[in-house]
């Protein structure tokens, strides 16, 4: 986790949502000792023909797999 909640105002909605998700998971993990598995998808839909774009590919290409 980087920064504080106030620094999230500089990010877009996807990074902000992911940041909040991980903060909540950390709180629950500390309280209950639960383990979590997360899978995230983010698609952009645009145009008359509803062209799909994977919004995470360019950010994370090569880091996972």
N, C-alpha and C. Protein backbone atom coordinates (compact mmCIF):
# COMPACT_ATOMS: atom_id res chain seq x y z
N UNK A 1 0.85 -1.16 0.00
CA UNK A 1 0.00 0.00 0.00
C UNK A 1 0.90 1.22 0.00
N UNK A 2 0.54 2.20 -0.80
CA UNK A 2 1.32 3.42 -0.89
C UNK A 2 0.49 4.60 -0.43
N UNK A 3 1.10 5.47 0.35
CA UNK A 3 0.43 6.71 0.72
C UNK A 3 -0.71 6.53 1.70
N UNK A 4 -1.54 7.55 1.76
CA UNK A 4 -2.70 7.53 2.66
C UNK A 4 -3.97 7.69 1.84
N UNK A 5 -5.12 7.64 2.52
CA UNK A 5 -6.40 7.80 1.83
C UNK A 5 -6.47 9.12 1.08
N UNK A 6 -5.86 10.17 1.62
CA UNK A 6 -5.93 11.47 0.96
C UNK A 6 -5.20 11.45 -0.37
N UNK A 7 -4.17 10.58 -0.52
CA UNK A 7 -3.44 10.51 -1.79
C UNK A 7 -4.26 9.82 -2.87
N UNK A 8 -5.31 9.11 -2.50
CA UNK A 8 -6.16 8.42 -3.47
C UNK A 8 -6.91 9.38 -4.37
N UNK A 9 -7.05 10.62 -3.96
CA UNK A 9 -7.79 11.58 -4.78
C UNK A 9 -7.07 11.86 -6.09
N UNK A 10 -5.79 11.53 -6.17
CA UNK A 10 -5.02 11.73 -7.40
C UNK A 10 -5.15 10.56 -8.37
N UNK A 11 -5.69 9.45 -7.92
CA UNK A 11 -5.81 8.25 -8.74
C UNK A 11 -7.16 8.21 -9.43
N UNK A 12 -7.30 7.32 -10.39
CA UNK A 12 -8.59 7.08 -11.02
C UNK A 12 -9.44 6.18 -10.15
N UNK A 13 -10.62 5.86 -10.64
CA UNK A 13 -11.56 5.08 -9.84
C UNK A 13 -11.09 3.63 -9.63
N UNK A 14 -10.44 3.04 -10.63
CA UNK A 14 -10.00 1.65 -10.49
C UNK A 14 -8.89 1.53 -9.44
N UNK A 15 -7.81 2.30 -9.53
CA UNK A 15 -6.78 2.19 -8.48
C UNK A 15 -7.31 2.54 -7.08
N UNK A 16 -8.22 3.50 -7.00
CA UNK A 16 -8.80 3.87 -5.71
C UNK A 16 -9.62 2.71 -5.14
N UNK A 17 -10.44 2.09 -5.96
CA UNK A 17 -11.26 0.95 -5.50
C UNK A 17 -10.38 -0.21 -5.05
N UNK A 18 -9.32 -0.48 -5.80
CA UNK A 18 -8.41 -1.56 -5.43
C UNK A 18 -7.71 -1.24 -4.11
N UNK A 19 -7.31 0.00 -3.94
CA UNK A 19 -6.67 0.42 -2.69
C UNK A 19 -7.61 0.21 -1.50
N UNK A 20 -8.84 0.65 -1.63
CA UNK A 20 -9.82 0.46 -0.55
C UNK A 20 -10.07 -1.01 -0.29
N UNK A 21 -10.16 -1.81 -1.35
CA UNK A 21 -10.38 -3.24 -1.19
C UNK A 21 -9.27 -3.87 -0.35
N UNK A 22 -8.03 -3.56 -0.68
CA UNK A 22 -6.91 -4.13 0.07
C UNK A 22 -6.86 -3.62 1.51
N UNK A 23 -7.26 -2.39 1.74
CA UNK A 23 -7.33 -1.88 3.11
C UNK A 23 -8.35 -2.67 3.92
N UNK A 24 -9.53 -2.91 3.35
CA UNK A 24 -10.58 -3.66 4.05
C UNK A 24 -10.16 -5.12 4.28
N UNK A 25 -9.49 -5.69 3.31
CA UNK A 25 -9.00 -7.07 3.46
C UNK A 25 -7.99 -7.15 4.60
N UNK A 26 -7.10 -6.18 4.68
CA UNK A 26 -6.09 -6.18 5.75
C UNK A 26 -6.76 -6.08 7.12
N UNK A 27 -7.78 -5.26 7.24
CA UNK A 27 -8.51 -5.13 8.50
C UNK A 27 -9.14 -6.47 8.88
N UNK A 28 -9.82 -7.11 7.93
CA UNK A 28 -10.46 -8.40 8.21
C UNK A 28 -9.44 -9.49 8.51
N UNK A 29 -8.31 -9.46 7.80
CA UNK A 29 -7.27 -10.46 8.03
C UNK A 29 -6.72 -10.33 9.45
N UNK A 30 -6.51 -9.10 9.88
CA UNK A 30 -6.01 -8.88 11.24
C UNK A 30 -7.03 -9.29 12.30
N UNK A 31 -8.31 -9.03 12.05
CA UNK A 31 -9.36 -9.37 13.02
C UNK A 31 -9.62 -10.86 13.10
N UNK A 32 -9.68 -11.53 11.94
CA UNK A 32 -10.15 -12.92 11.91
C UNK A 32 -9.09 -13.93 11.49
N UNK A 33 -8.00 -13.46 10.90
CA UNK A 33 -6.99 -14.39 10.39
C UNK A 33 -7.40 -15.04 9.08
N UNK A 34 -8.49 -14.56 8.49
CA UNK A 34 -9.00 -15.13 7.24
C UNK A 34 -8.00 -14.92 6.11
N UNK A 35 -8.03 -15.81 5.13
CA UNK A 35 -7.21 -15.67 3.93
C UNK A 35 -8.11 -15.29 2.77
N UNK A 36 -7.60 -14.49 1.86
CA UNK A 36 -8.40 -14.01 0.74
C UNK A 36 -7.71 -14.31 -0.57
N UNK A 37 -8.51 -14.51 -1.58
CA UNK A 37 -8.03 -14.64 -2.96
C UNK A 37 -8.79 -13.62 -3.79
N UNK A 38 -8.05 -12.84 -4.58
CA UNK A 38 -8.68 -11.75 -5.33
C UNK A 38 -8.38 -11.92 -6.81
N UNK A 39 -9.41 -11.75 -7.62
CA UNK A 39 -9.26 -11.73 -9.08
C UNK A 39 -10.00 -10.49 -9.57
N UNK A 40 -9.30 -9.67 -10.33
CA UNK A 40 -9.87 -8.40 -10.77
C UNK A 40 -9.90 -8.33 -12.29
N UNK A 41 -11.01 -7.84 -12.82
CA UNK A 41 -11.14 -7.56 -14.25
C UNK A 41 -11.67 -6.14 -14.39
N UNK A 42 -11.20 -5.45 -15.42
CA UNK A 42 -11.71 -4.11 -15.69
C UNK A 42 -11.79 -3.95 -17.21
N UNK A 43 -12.99 -3.78 -17.70
CA UNK A 43 -13.22 -3.65 -19.13
C UNK A 43 -13.79 -2.29 -19.46
N UNK A 44 -13.36 -1.75 -20.57
CA UNK A 44 -13.95 -0.53 -21.10
C UNK A 44 -14.81 -0.92 -22.30
N UNK A 45 -16.02 -0.39 -22.35
CA UNK A 45 -16.93 -0.66 -23.47
C UNK A 45 -17.19 0.67 -24.16
N UNK A 46 -16.93 0.71 -25.48
CA UNK A 46 -17.14 1.98 -26.18
C UNK A 46 -17.61 1.73 -27.60
N UNK A 47 -18.23 2.75 -28.13
CA UNK A 47 -18.65 2.74 -29.52
C UNK A 47 -19.95 2.03 -29.78
N UNK A 48 -20.42 2.23 -30.97
CA UNK A 48 -21.69 1.66 -31.42
C UNK A 48 -21.67 0.14 -31.40
N UNK A 49 -20.51 -0.43 -31.68
CA UNK A 49 -20.38 -1.89 -31.72
C UNK A 49 -19.88 -2.48 -30.40
N UNK A 50 -19.89 -1.65 -29.35
CA UNK A 50 -19.51 -2.06 -28.00
C UNK A 50 -18.16 -2.78 -27.99
N UNK A 51 -17.14 -2.10 -28.51
CA UNK A 51 -15.79 -2.64 -28.53
C UNK A 51 -15.25 -2.72 -27.10
N UNK A 52 -14.72 -3.88 -26.73
CA UNK A 52 -14.19 -4.10 -25.39
C UNK A 52 -12.70 -3.84 -25.35
N UNK A 53 -12.24 -3.23 -24.27
CA UNK A 53 -10.83 -3.01 -24.04
C UNK A 53 -10.51 -3.45 -22.62
N UNK A 54 -9.47 -4.26 -22.46
CA UNK A 54 -9.02 -4.66 -21.13
C UNK A 54 -8.25 -3.49 -20.54
N UNK A 55 -8.78 -2.87 -19.51
CA UNK A 55 -8.19 -1.67 -18.93
C UNK A 55 -6.96 -1.96 -18.07
N UNK A 56 -6.76 -3.21 -17.69
CA UNK A 56 -5.62 -3.55 -16.85
C UNK A 56 -4.42 -4.08 -17.62
N UNK A 57 -4.60 -4.49 -18.85
CA UNK A 57 -3.52 -5.10 -19.62
C UNK A 57 -2.31 -4.19 -19.74
N UNK A 58 -2.50 -2.95 -20.12
CA UNK A 58 -1.36 -2.06 -20.34
C UNK A 58 -0.64 -1.74 -19.03
N UNK A 59 -1.35 -1.71 -17.92
CA UNK A 59 -0.73 -1.40 -16.64
C UNK A 59 0.07 -2.57 -16.08
N UNK A 60 -0.43 -3.78 -16.26
CA UNK A 60 0.15 -4.92 -15.57
C UNK A 60 0.71 -5.98 -16.50
N UNK A 61 0.88 -5.69 -17.77
CA UNK A 61 1.34 -6.71 -18.70
C UNK A 61 2.72 -7.21 -18.29
N UNK A 62 2.83 -8.53 -18.22
CA UNK A 62 4.09 -9.16 -17.89
C UNK A 62 4.33 -9.36 -16.40
N UNK A 63 3.53 -8.74 -15.53
CA UNK A 63 3.76 -8.88 -14.10
C UNK A 63 3.15 -10.15 -13.53
N UNK A 64 2.12 -10.64 -14.17
CA UNK A 64 1.44 -11.83 -13.66
C UNK A 64 1.43 -12.88 -14.75
N UNK A 65 1.24 -14.11 -14.33
CA UNK A 65 1.08 -15.12 -15.37
C UNK A 65 1.80 -16.30 -15.07
